Amino acid sequence: MAEQPRSAAISAARAVVLVEGLSDQAAVEALAGRRGRDLRGERVAVVPMGGAKSIRRYLEQFGPRGRGLRVAGLCDAREERDFRRGLERAGFGAELTRDDMESLGFFVCVADLEDELIRALGAPVVEKLLAAQGEIGSFRTFQKQAAQRERTSEGQLRRFLGTRSGRKIRYGRLLVDALDLMQVPRPLDGVLAHV
């Protein structure tokens, strides 16, 4: 059976998980698969918004003032304010705290999802993944750059994942696939559990 087009999956959805980008989408969908969930069958769509600034528009489209779907979301720490304001302006509450946001299904990653995943796995495991993908040599060269020398191994890995188009998307799935399911970062686990 051919894969259902993304727009059709969104049209049929009963719930949506709003994420900033494609790498977050890949990670959420990978975790769902590892947990034995069929998001399409459950009519849950993971929707990359192209950045956190769009949150209000998506909440208006899918939330109680729009299609009335169950909504959840995942954002980076630096985007928490945008998510909070979007939730408040879309009628999800006023003066929301992070706990309030989580009770609504919206979770904040420390730094970003890649940071959460790298910390959960540990730098040695992530480096083994890079080696398996034939990228450890590129990473070692990257580590030698002056701008990288002062960063921790985890910080270097996080930055390296963002240096080539498509790399974060590919590693979003690979990092989740390598996780011990008892060590899934809390925001990733929480957003999936909410839907």
C-alpha atoms as a PDB file:
ATOM      1  CA  MET A   1       0.000   0.000   0.000  1.00  0.00           C
ATOM      2  CA  ALA A   2       1.404   3.413  -0.939  1.00  0.00           C
ATOM      3  CA  GLU A   3       2.124   5.827   1.884  1.00  0.00           C
ATOM      4  CA  GLN A   4      -0.710   8.251   2.488  1.00  0.00           C
ATOM      5  CA  PRO A   5       0.236  11.775   1.405  1.00  0.00           C
ATOM      6  CA  ARG A   6       1.115  14.073   4.318  1.00  0.00           C
ATOM      7  CA  SER A   7      -1.777  16.481   3.613  1.00  0.00           C
ATOM      8  CA  ALA A   8      -4.252  13.580   3.611  1.00  0.00           C
ATOM      9  CA  ALA A   9      -2.821  12.328   6.919  1.00  0.00           C
ATOM     10  CA  ILE A  10      -3.311  15.793   8.404  1.00  0.00           C
ATOM     11  CA  SER A  11      -6.845  16.008   6.991  1.00  0.00           C
ATOM     12  CA  ALA A  12      -7.757  12.685   8.626  1.00  0.00           C
ATOM     13  CA  ALA A  13      -6.043  13.469  11.953  1.00  0.00           C
ATOM     14  CA  ARG A  14      -7.794  13.386  15.305  1.00  0.00           C
ATOM     15  CA  ALA A  15      -4.623  14.695  16.992  1.00  0.00           C
ATOM     16  CA  VAL A  16      -1.509  16.602  15.942  1.00  0.00           C
ATOM     17  CA  VAL A  17       1.942  16.948  17.412  1.00  0.00           C
ATOM     18  CA  LEU A  18       3.385  20.332  16.454  1.00  0.00           C
ATOM     19  CA  VAL A  19       7.163  20.355  16.104  1.00  0.00           C
ATOM     20  CA  GLU A  20       9.573  22.988  14.913  1.00  0.00           C
ATOM     21  CA  GLY A  21      11.149  21.074  12.050  1.00  0.00           C
ATOM     22  CA  LEU A  22      11.715  17.884  10.108  1.00  0.00           C
ATOM     23  CA  SER A  23      14.372  16.483  12.467  1.00  0.00           C
ATOM     24  CA  ASP A  24      11.934  16.701  15.381  1.00  0.00           C
ATOM     25  CA  GLN A  25       9.276  15.029  13.243  1.00  0.00           C
ATOM     26  CA  ALA A  26      11.692  12.197  12.393  1.00  0.00           C
ATOM     27  CA  ALA A  27      12.510  11.682  16.080  1.00  0.00           C
ATOM     28  CA  VAL A  28       8.871  11.655  17.245  1.00  0.00           C
ATOM     29  CA  GLU A  29       7.860   9.244  14.479  1.00  0.00           C
ATOM     30  CA  ALA A  30      10.864   6.995  15.202  1.00  0.00           C
ATOM     31  CA  LEU A  31       9.980   6.813  18.894  1.00  0.00           C
ATOM     32  CA  ALA A  32       6.361   6.023  18.059  1.00  0.00           C
ATOM     33  CA  GLY A  33       7.560   3.149  15.888  1.00  0.00           C
ATOM     34  CA  ARG A  34       9.846   1.855  18.620  1.00  0.00           C
ATOM     35  CA  ARG A  35       6.961   2.009  21.082  1.00  0.00           C
ATOM     36  CA  GLY A  36       4.854  -0.053  18.668  1.00  0.00           C
ATOM     37  CA  ARG A  37       2.516   2.782  17.810  1.00  0.00           C
ATOM     38  CA  ASP A  38       1.036   3.280  14.354  1.00  0.00           C
ATOM     39  CA  LEU A  39       0.488   7.042  14.318  1.00  0.00           C
ATOM     40  CA  ARG A  40      -1.206   6.998  10.924  1.00  0.00           C
ATOM     41  CA  GLY A  41      -3.548   4.230  12.068  1.00  0.00           C
ATOM     42  CA  GLU A  42      -4.231   6.187  15.258  1.00  0.00           C
ATOM     43  CA  ARG A  43      -4.853   9.291  13.109  1.00  0.00           C
ATOM     44  CA  VAL A  44      -2.057  11.251  14.791  1.00  0.00           C
ATOM     45  CA  ALA A  45      -0.108  13.593  12.504  1.00  0.00           C
ATOM     46  CA  VAL A  46       3.312  14.975  13.416  1.00  0.00           C
ATOM     47  CA  VAL A  47       3.390  18.415  11.801  1.00  0.00           C
ATOM     48  CA  PRO A  48       6.649  20.336  11.260  1.00  0.00           C
ATOM     49  CA  MET A  49       5.842  24.041  11.429  1.00  0.00           C
ATOM     50  CA  GLY A  50       9.039  25.422   9.912  1.00  0.00           C
ATOM     51  CA  GLY A  51       9.909  27.182  13.169  1.00  0.00           C
ATOM     52  CA  ALA A  52       8.323  28.085  16.496  1.00  0.00           C
ATOM     53  CA  LYS A  53       7.087  31.499  15.361  1.00  0.00           C
ATOM     54  CA  SER A  54       4.238  29.737  13.519  1.00  0.00           C
ATOM     55  CA  ILE A  55       2.800  28.097  16.644  1.00  0.00           C
ATOM     56  CA  ARG A  56      -0.194  30.399  17.015  1.00  0.00           C
ATOM     57  CA  ARG A  57      -1.309  29.884  13.416  1.00  0.00           C
ATOM     58  CA  TYR A  58      -1.161  26.103  13.832  1.00  0.00           C
ATOM     59  CA  LEU A  59      -2.966  26.224  17.178  1.00  0.00           C
ATOM     60  CA  GLU A  60      -5.699  28.352  15.595  1.00  0.00           C
ATOM     61  CA  GLN A  61      -5.971  25.857  12.731  1.00  0.00           C
ATOM     62  CA  PHE A  62      -6.003  22.643  14.785  1.00  0.00           C
ATOM     63  CA  GLY A  63      -7.016  23.657  18.322  1.00  0.00           C
ATOM     64  CA  PRO A  64     -10.406  24.447  19.878  1.00  0.00           C
ATOM     65  CA  ARG A  65     -11.008  27.524  17.699  1.00  0.00           C
ATOM     66  CA  GLY A  66     -10.204  25.529  14.564  1.00  0.00           C
ATOM     67  CA  ARG A  67     -10.674  21.820  13.932  1.00  0.00           C
ATOM     68  CA  GLY A  68     -10.905  20.974  17.633  1.00  0.00           C
ATOM     69  CA  LEU A  69      -8.196  18.314  17.490  1.00  0.00           C
ATOM     70  CA  ARG A  70      -6.123  17.114  20.397  1.00  0.00           C
ATOM     71  CA  VAL A  71      -2.863  19.071  20.108  1.00  0.00           C
ATOM     72  CA  ALA A  72       0.568  18.634  21.618  1.00  0.00           C
ATOM     73  CA  GLY A  73       3.938  20.137  20.841  1.00  0.00           C
ATOM     74  CA  LEU A  74       7.660  20.100  21.307  1.00  0.00           C
ATOM     75  CA  CYS A  75      10.002  23.087  21.248  1.00  0.00           C
ATOM     76  CA  ASP A  76      13.560  24.158  22.006  1.00  0.00           C
ATOM     77  CA  ALA A  77      14.261  26.082  25.213  1.00  0.00           C
ATOM     78  CA  ARG A  78      14.920  29.295  23.278  1.00  0.00           C
ATOM     79  CA  GLU A  79      11.455  29.007  21.699  1.00  0.00           C
ATOM     80  CA  GLU A  80       9.538  28.416  24.934  1.00  0.00           C
ATOM     81  CA  ARG A  81       8.340  32.020  25.070  1.00  0.00           C
ATOM     82  CA  ASP A  82       6.928  31.800  21.528  1.00  0.00           C
ATOM     83  CA  PHE A  83       5.070  28.603  22.409  1.00  0.00           C
ATOM     84  CA  ARG A  84       3.744  30.059  25.661  1.00  0.00           C
ATOM     85  CA  ARG A  85       2.465  33.209  23.939  1.00  0.00           C
ATOM     86  CA  GLY A  86       0.972  31.166  21.121  1.00  0.00           C
ATOM     87  CA  LEU A  87      -0.889  28.959  23.575  1.00  0.00           C
ATOM     88  CA  GLU A  88      -2.168  31.960  25.519  1.00  0.00           C
ATOM     89  CA  ARG A  89      -3.291  33.847  22.407  1.00  0.00           C
ATOM     90  CA  ALA A  90      -5.013  30.747  21.029  1.00  0.00           C
ATOM     91  CA  GLY A  91      -7.103  30.471  24.196  1.00  0.00           C
ATOM     92  CA  PHE A  92      -5.277  27.702  26.076  1.00  0.00           C
ATOM     93  CA  GLY A  93      -4.894  29.757  29.265  1.00  0.00           C
ATOM     94  CA  ALA A  94      -3.229  32.828  30.705  1.00  0.00           C
ATOM     95  CA  GLU A  95       0.132  33.314  32.404  1.00  0.00           C
ATOM     96  CA  LEU A  96       1.075  29.723  31.643  1.00  0.00           C
ATOM     97  CA  THR A  97       3.987  28.156  33.474  1.00  0.00           C
ATOM     98  CA  ARG A  98       6.086  25.343  32.050  1.00  0.00           C
ATOM     99  CA  ASP A  99       4.061  22.906  34.189  1.00  0.00           C
ATOM    100  CA  ASP A 100       0.858  24.351  32.704  1.00  0.00           C
ATOM    101  CA  MET A 101       2.267  23.919  29.218  1.00  0.00           C
ATOM    102  CA  GLU A 102       3.146  20.294  29.942  1.00  0.00           C
ATOM    103  CA  SER A 103      -0.339  19.592  31.255  1.00  0.00           C
ATOM    104  CA  LEU A 104      -1.587  20.882  27.880  1.00  0.00           C
ATOM    105  CA  GLY A 105       0.846  18.541  26.080  1.00  0.00           C
ATOM    106  CA  PHE A 106       3.567  21.060  25.181  1.00  0.00           C
ATOM    107  CA  PHE A 107       7.093  20.133  26.219  1.00  0.00           C
ATOM    108  CA  VAL A 108      10.316  22.137  26.217  1.00  0.00           C
ATOM    109  CA  CYS A 109      13.679  20.562  25.394  1.00  0.00           C
ATOM    110  CA  VAL A 110      16.806  21.685  27.237  1.00  0.00           C
ATOM    111  CA  ALA A 111      18.628  23.487  24.445  1.00  0.00           C
ATOM    112  CA  ASP A 112      16.959  21.399  21.701  1.00  0.00           C
ATOM    113  CA  LEU A 113      15.911  17.847  20.920  1.00  0.00           C
ATOM    114  CA  GLU A 114      19.335  16.919  19.540  1.00  0.00           C
ATOM    115  CA  ASP A 115      20.884  18.039  22.833  1.00  0.00           C
ATOM    116  CA  GLU A 116      18.391  15.902  24.761  1.00  0.00           C
ATOM    117  CA  LEU A 117      19.129  12.855  22.609  1.00  0.00           C
ATOM    118  CA  ILE A 118      22.920  13.294  22.722  1.00  0.00           C
ATOM    119  CA  ARG A 119      22.849  13.587  26.530  1.00  0.00           C
ATOM    120  CA  ALA A 120      20.581  10.538  26.832  1.00  0.00           C
ATOM    121  CA  LEU A 121      22.907   8.430  24.666  1.00  0.00           C
ATOM    122  CA  GLY A 122      26.252   9.876  25.698  1.00  0.00           C
ATOM    123  CA  ALA A 123      28.943  11.194  23.362  1.00  0.00           C
ATOM    124  CA  PRO A 124      30.691   7.804  22.835  1.00  0.00           C
ATOM    125  CA  VAL A 125      27.485   6.200  21.528  1.00  0.00           C
ATOM    126  CA  VAL A 126      26.765   9.138  19.213  1.00  0.00           C
ATOM    127  CA  GLU A 127      30.331   8.963  17.896  1.00  0.00           C
ATOM    128  CA  LYS A 128      29.791   5.254  17.130  1.00  0.00           C
ATOM    129  CA  LEU A 129      26.690   6.241  15.152  1.00  0.00           C
ATOM    130  CA  LEU A 130      28.754   8.775  13.219  1.00  0.00           C
ATOM    131  CA  ALA A 131      31.342   6.089  12.510  1.00  0.00           C
ATOM    132  CA  ALA A 132      28.632   3.696  11.289  1.00  0.00           C
ATOM    133  CA  GLN A 133      27.429   6.429   8.918  1.00  0.00           C
ATOM    134  CA  GLY A 134      30.952   7.085   7.620  1.00  0.00           C
ATOM    135  CA  GLU A 135      31.094  10.548   9.187  1.00  0.00           C
ATOM    136  CA  ILE A 136      33.548  10.151  12.071  1.00  0.00           C
ATOM    137  CA  GLY A 137      36.426  11.541   9.967  1.00  0.00           C
ATOM    138  CA  SER A 138      34.422  14.652   9.150  1.00  0.00           C
ATOM    139  CA  PHE A 139      33.537  15.015  12.811  1.00  0.00           C
ATOM    140  CA  ARG A 140      37.188  14.718  13.912  1.00  0.00           C
ATOM    141  CA  THR A 141      38.125  17.452  11.416  1.00  0.00           C
ATOM    142  CA  PHE A 142      35.227  19.575  12.702  1.00  0.00           C
ATOM    143  CA  GLN A 143      36.448  19.137  16.301  1.00  0.00           C
ATOM    144  CA  LYS A 144      39.812  20.657  15.355  1.00  0.00           C
ATOM    145  CA  GLN A 145      38.268  23.939  14.202  1.00  0.00           C
ATOM    146  CA  ALA A 146      39.128  26.842  16.489  1.00  0.00           C
ATOM    147  CA  ALA A 147      35.467  27.630  17.166  1.00  0.00           C
ATOM    148  CA  GLN A 148      34.871  24.057  18.375  1.00  0.00           C
ATOM    149  CA  ARG A 149      37.841  23.492  20.659  1.00  0.00           C
ATOM    150  CA  GLU A 150      36.248  25.042  23.735  1.00  0.00           C
ATOM    151  CA  ARG A 151      32.975  23.108  23.421  1.00  0.00           C
ATOM    152  CA  THR A 152      32.264  19.867  25.218  1.00  0.00           C
ATOM    153  CA  SER A 153      32.077  16.682  23.136  1.00  0.00           C
ATOM    154  CA  GLU A 154      28.291  16.871  23.445  1.00  0.00           C
ATOM    155  CA  GLY A 155      28.306  20.498  22.274  1.00  0.00           C
ATOM    156  CA  GLN A 156      30.521  19.623  19.328  1.00  0.00           C
ATOM    157  CA  LEU A 157      28.235  16.759  18.341  1.00  0.00           C
ATOM    158  CA  ARG A 158      25.157  18.953  18.574  1.00  0.00           C
ATOM    159  CA  ARG A 159      26.749  21.619  16.398  1.00  0.00           C
ATOM    160  CA  PHE A 160      28.086  19.051  13.911  1.00  0.00           C
ATOM    161  CA  LEU A 161      24.604  17.632  13.326  1.00  0.00           C
ATOM    162  CA  GLY A 162      23.483  21.039  12.086  1.00  0.00           C
ATOM    163  CA  THR A 163      26.345  21.663   9.654  1.00  0.00           C
ATOM    164  CA  ARG A 164      24.980  19.846   6.598  1.00  0.00           C
ATOM    165  CA  SER A 165      21.521  19.979   5.072  1.00  0.00           C
ATOM    166  CA  GLY A 166      19.509  16.886   5.949  1.00  0.00           C
ATOM    167  CA  ARG A 167      21.922  15.600   8.606  1.00  0.00           C
ATOM    168  CA  LYS A 168      19.711  16.538  11.572  1.00  0.00           C
ATOM    169  CA  ILE A 169      16.742  14.822   9.958  1.00  0.00           C
ATOM    170  CA  ARG A 170      18.677  11.605   9.338  1.00  0.00           C
ATOM    171  CA  TYR A 171      20.174  11.591  12.827  1.00  0.00           C
ATOM    172  CA  GLY A 172      16.847  12.430  14.464  1.00  0.00           C
ATOM    173  CA  ARG A 173      15.757   8.918  13.573  1.00  0.00           C
ATOM    174  CA  LEU A 174      19.165   7.264  14.147  1.00  0.00           C
ATOM    175  CA  LEU A 175      19.576   8.753  17.620  1.00  0.00           C
ATOM    176  CA  VAL A 176      16.119   7.600  18.674  1.00  0.00           C
ATOM    177  CA  ASP A 177      16.742   4.144  17.219  1.00  0.00           C
ATOM    178  CA  ALA A 178      19.868   3.874  19.412  1.00  0.00           C
ATOM    179  CA  LEU A 179      18.087   4.855  22.648  1.00  0.00           C
ATOM    180  CA  ASP A 180      17.423   2.533  25.523  1.00  0.00           C
ATOM    181  CA  LEU A 181      13.638   2.933  25.808  1.00  0.00           C
ATOM    182  CA  MET A 182      14.044   3.436  29.557  1.00  0.00           C
ATOM    183  CA  GLN A 183      16.226   6.507  28.856  1.00  0.00           C
ATOM    184  CA  VAL A 184      14.030   8.456  26.434  1.00  0.00           C
ATOM    185  CA  PRO A 185      14.322  12.213  27.061  1.00  0.00           C
ATOM    186  CA  ARG A 186      11.343  13.429  29.074  1.00  0.00           C
ATOM    187  CA  PRO A 187      10.042  16.002  26.534  1.00  0.00           C
ATOM    188  CA  LEU A 188      10.061  13.463  23.695  1.00  0.00           C
ATOM    189  CA  ASP A 189       8.399  10.799  25.824  1.00  0.00           C
ATOM    190  CA  GLY A 190       5.847  13.282  27.177  1.00  0.00           C
ATOM    191  CA  VAL A 191       4.714  14.717  23.870  1.00  0.00           C
ATOM    192  CA  LEU A 192       4.144  11.264  22.406  1.00  0.00           C
ATOM    193  CA  ALA A 193       2.327  10.060  25.516  1.00  0.00           C
ATOM    194  CA  HIS A 194      -0.025  13.058  25.317  1.00  0.00           C
ATOM    195  CA  VAL A 195      -1.500  11.906  22.018  1.00  0.00           C
END
